[in-house]
Amino acid sequence: MSQSPVVAIIMGSRSDWPTMKCAADALTELGIAHESKVVSAHRTPDRLWAFAKGAKAAGFKVIIAGAGGAAHLPGMAASMTDLPVLGVPVESKALSGLDSLLSIVQMPAGVPVGTLAVGAAGARNAGLLAARILALGDPALARRLAAHAAAQTAKVPEGVEDD
């Protein structure tokens, strides 16, 4: 993509990429420029601070933040920017992502994070939700989203048996 990225996909570690790639794939399918990086709330707090404080000036319009376990990344990013932050709970080994989900969804009043489903479905939906947010000011993207939805609908068979 030759245009500047408007969506940032951040994650707590490289091990989150298989899940977060689903968000990147959705954005790519819709022609939305994005950038992905590891920004750990716990291991790289200075990197997180610099990223979140500079995200708007860097041209980002939406942040998708994926994290597992304690899952502080989405909330911490949201506390440092006024950009929309979409949180994706990454499935953890200990509690199958329930810990991640609860960490992201239980933000205090005044620090909003849009929380998606645990895992790959949540990451894909985060990409699609970011697209819908961006489409509010981009009629061409709105048309691409409508075409995407129509194609998805067309794939659903009416019958229950294969012909």
Protein backbone atom coordinates (compact mmCIF):
# COMPACT_ATOMS: atom_id res chain seq x y z
CA MET A 1 0.00 0.00 0.00
CA SER A 2 1.46 3.30 -1.04
CA GLN A 3 -0.76 5.50 1.11
CA SER A 4 0.11 6.37 4.70
CA PRO A 5 -1.30 3.93 7.27
CA VAL A 6 -4.48 5.12 8.98
CA VAL A 7 -4.94 2.10 11.25
CA ALA A 8 -2.36 0.95 13.75
CA ILE A 9 -2.42 -2.66 14.88
CA ILE A 10 -0.48 -3.04 18.10
CA MET A 11 0.07 -6.13 20.19
CA GLY A 12 1.81 -7.08 23.39
CA SER A 13 4.14 -9.65 21.82
CA ARG A 14 5.02 -11.31 18.54
CA SER A 15 3.13 -14.40 19.69
CA ASP A 16 -0.09 -12.36 19.29
CA TRP A 17 0.49 -11.95 15.53
CA PRO A 18 -1.35 -15.11 14.36
CA THR A 19 -4.50 -13.66 15.94
CA MET A 20 -3.90 -10.01 15.03
CA LYS A 21 -3.07 -10.91 11.42
CA CYS A 22 -6.81 -11.49 11.00
CA ALA A 23 -7.36 -7.75 11.58
CA ALA A 24 -4.59 -6.92 9.11
CA ASP A 25 -6.10 -9.28 6.53
CA ALA A 26 -9.54 -7.63 6.82
CA LEU A 27 -7.98 -4.18 6.36
CA THR A 28 -5.91 -5.34 3.39
CA GLU A 29 -9.00 -6.85 1.71
CA LEU A 30 -10.69 -3.45 1.96
CA GLY A 31 -7.66 -1.49 0.75
CA ILE A 32 -7.01 0.24 4.07
CA ALA A 33 -3.40 1.14 4.79
CA HIS A 34 -2.25 -0.11 8.17
CA GLU A 35 0.86 -0.71 10.22
CA SER A 36 1.50 -3.49 12.75
CA LYS A 37 3.95 -3.38 15.64
CA VAL A 38 4.76 -4.89 19.01
CA VAL A 39 4.13 -2.42 21.81
CA SER A 40 4.05 -4.13 25.19
CA ALA A 41 2.38 -2.31 28.07
CA HIS A 42 4.58 -4.21 30.53
CA ARG A 43 7.90 -4.82 28.77
CA THR A 44 8.13 -1.65 26.64
CA PRO A 45 6.18 1.05 28.50
CA ASP A 46 8.28 3.87 27.03
CA ARG A 47 7.57 2.56 23.51
CA LEU A 48 3.85 2.42 24.34
CA TRP A 49 3.89 5.99 25.69
CA ALA A 50 5.71 7.31 22.61
CA PHE A 51 3.43 5.44 20.24
CA ALA A 52 0.14 6.44 21.91
CA LYS A 53 1.14 10.08 22.40
CA GLY A 54 2.27 10.35 18.77
CA ALA A 55 -0.34 8.18 17.04
CA LYS A 56 -2.62 11.01 15.95
CA ALA A 57 0.25 13.17 14.68
CA ALA A 58 1.53 10.12 12.78
CA GLY A 59 -1.75 10.05 10.84
CA PHE A 60 -3.48 7.13 12.52
CA LYS A 61 -7.25 7.39 12.86
CA VAL A 62 -8.00 4.09 14.63
CA ILE A 63 -5.92 1.82 16.86
CA ILE A 64 -6.53 -1.91 17.12
CA ALA A 65 -4.81 -3.27 20.22
CA GLY A 66 -4.53 -6.97 20.89
CA ALA A 67 -3.32 -8.43 24.15
CA GLY A 68 -3.49 -11.63 26.13
CA GLY A 69 -3.30 -12.44 29.80
CA ALA A 70 -3.41 -9.25 31.88
CA ALA A 71 -4.27 -7.43 28.61
CA HIS A 72 -3.41 -3.91 29.72
CA LEU A 73 -2.33 -2.69 26.27
CA PRO A 74 -5.72 -1.57 24.90
CA GLY A 75 -6.67 0.33 28.04
CA MET A 76 -3.27 1.93 28.49
CA ALA A 77 -3.26 3.05 24.84
CA ALA A 78 -6.78 4.44 25.23
CA SER A 79 -5.72 6.38 28.31
CA MET A 80 -3.05 8.20 26.31
CA THR A 81 -4.89 9.11 23.09
CA ASP A 82 -8.27 10.36 21.97
CA LEU A 83 -8.27 8.07 18.93
CA PRO A 84 -10.75 5.17 18.94
CA VAL A 85 -9.13 2.06 20.40
CA LEU A 86 -10.54 -1.36 19.57
CA GLY A 87 -9.41 -4.07 21.98
CA VAL A 88 -8.92 -7.66 20.89
CA PRO A 89 -8.54 -10.22 23.67
CA VAL A 90 -5.94 -12.74 22.52
CA GLU A 91 -6.60 -16.28 23.68
CA SER A 92 -4.36 -17.19 26.60
CA LYS A 93 -3.22 -20.64 27.67
CA ALA A 94 -4.24 -20.23 31.29
CA LEU A 95 -7.88 -19.18 30.93
CA SER A 96 -8.61 -19.47 27.19
CA GLY A 97 -8.83 -15.69 26.80
CA LEU A 98 -11.38 -15.03 29.53
CA ASP A 99 -8.70 -13.20 31.54
CA SER A 100 -7.87 -11.08 28.49
CA LEU A 101 -11.53 -10.31 27.78
CA LEU A 102 -12.27 -9.25 31.33
CA SER A 103 -9.15 -7.07 31.50
CA ILE A 104 -10.14 -5.19 28.35
CA VAL A 105 -13.89 -4.93 28.87
CA GLN A 106 -13.68 -3.67 32.47
CA MET A 107 -12.26 -0.21 31.72
CA PRO A 108 -13.15 2.58 34.14
CA ALA A 109 -15.61 5.25 33.03
CA GLY A 110 -13.87 7.86 30.91
CA VAL A 111 -11.38 5.48 29.24
CA PRO A 112 -13.38 3.83 26.46
CA VAL A 113 -12.14 0.74 24.65
CA GLY A 114 -14.37 -1.00 22.12
CA THR A 115 -13.96 -4.65 23.07
CA LEU A 116 -14.30 -7.43 20.51
CA ALA A 117 -14.59 -11.19 20.83
CA VAL A 118 -11.71 -13.36 21.98
CA GLY A 119 -9.35 -14.57 19.28
CA ALA A 120 -9.31 -14.55 15.50
CA ALA A 121 -13.00 -13.69 15.05
CA GLY A 122 -12.57 -10.67 17.31
CA ALA A 123 -9.47 -9.56 15.42
CA ARG A 124 -11.20 -9.85 12.05
CA ASN A 125 -14.20 -7.94 13.38
CA ALA A 126 -11.86 -5.27 14.77
CA GLY A 127 -10.53 -4.75 11.24
CA LEU A 128 -14.07 -4.53 9.88
CA LEU A 129 -15.18 -2.18 12.66
CA ALA A 130 -12.19 0.07 12.03
CA ALA A 131 -13.24 0.12 8.36
CA ARG A 132 -16.78 1.13 9.31
CA ILE A 133 -15.45 3.96 11.47
CA LEU A 134 -13.26 5.20 8.63
CA ALA A 135 -16.08 4.81 6.10
CA LEU A 136 -18.09 7.50 7.89
CA GLY A 137 -15.87 10.03 6.12
CA ASP A 138 -14.93 8.01 3.03
CA PRO A 139 -17.70 7.22 0.52
CA ALA A 140 -15.42 5.00 -1.58
CA LEU A 141 -14.62 2.86 1.45
CA ALA A 142 -18.33 2.75 2.32
CA ARG A 143 -19.00 1.29 -1.15
CA ARG A 144 -16.23 -1.30 -0.70
CA LEU A 145 -17.72 -2.29 2.65
CA ALA A 146 -21.17 -2.67 1.09
CA ALA A 147 -19.70 -4.86 -1.65
CA HIS A 148 -17.85 -6.91 0.97
CA ALA A 149 -21.09 -7.47 2.92
CA ALA A 150 -22.97 -8.42 -0.27
CA ALA A 151 -20.27 -10.94 -1.20
CA GLN A 152 -20.41 -12.44 2.28
CA THR A 153 -24.20 -12.76 2.04
CA ALA A 154 -23.96 -14.37 -1.40
CA LYS A 155 -21.78 -17.14 0.05
CA VAL A 156 -24.53 -18.35 2.38
CA PRO A 157 -26.50 -21.21 0.77
CA GLU A 158 -30.27 -21.33 1.09
CA GLY A 159 -30.48 -25.09 1.33
CA VAL A 160 -29.16 -27.39 3.99
CA GLU A 161 -27.87 -30.05 1.61
CA ASP A 162 -25.14 -29.83 -1.00
CA ASP A 163 -26.47 -29.96 -4.56
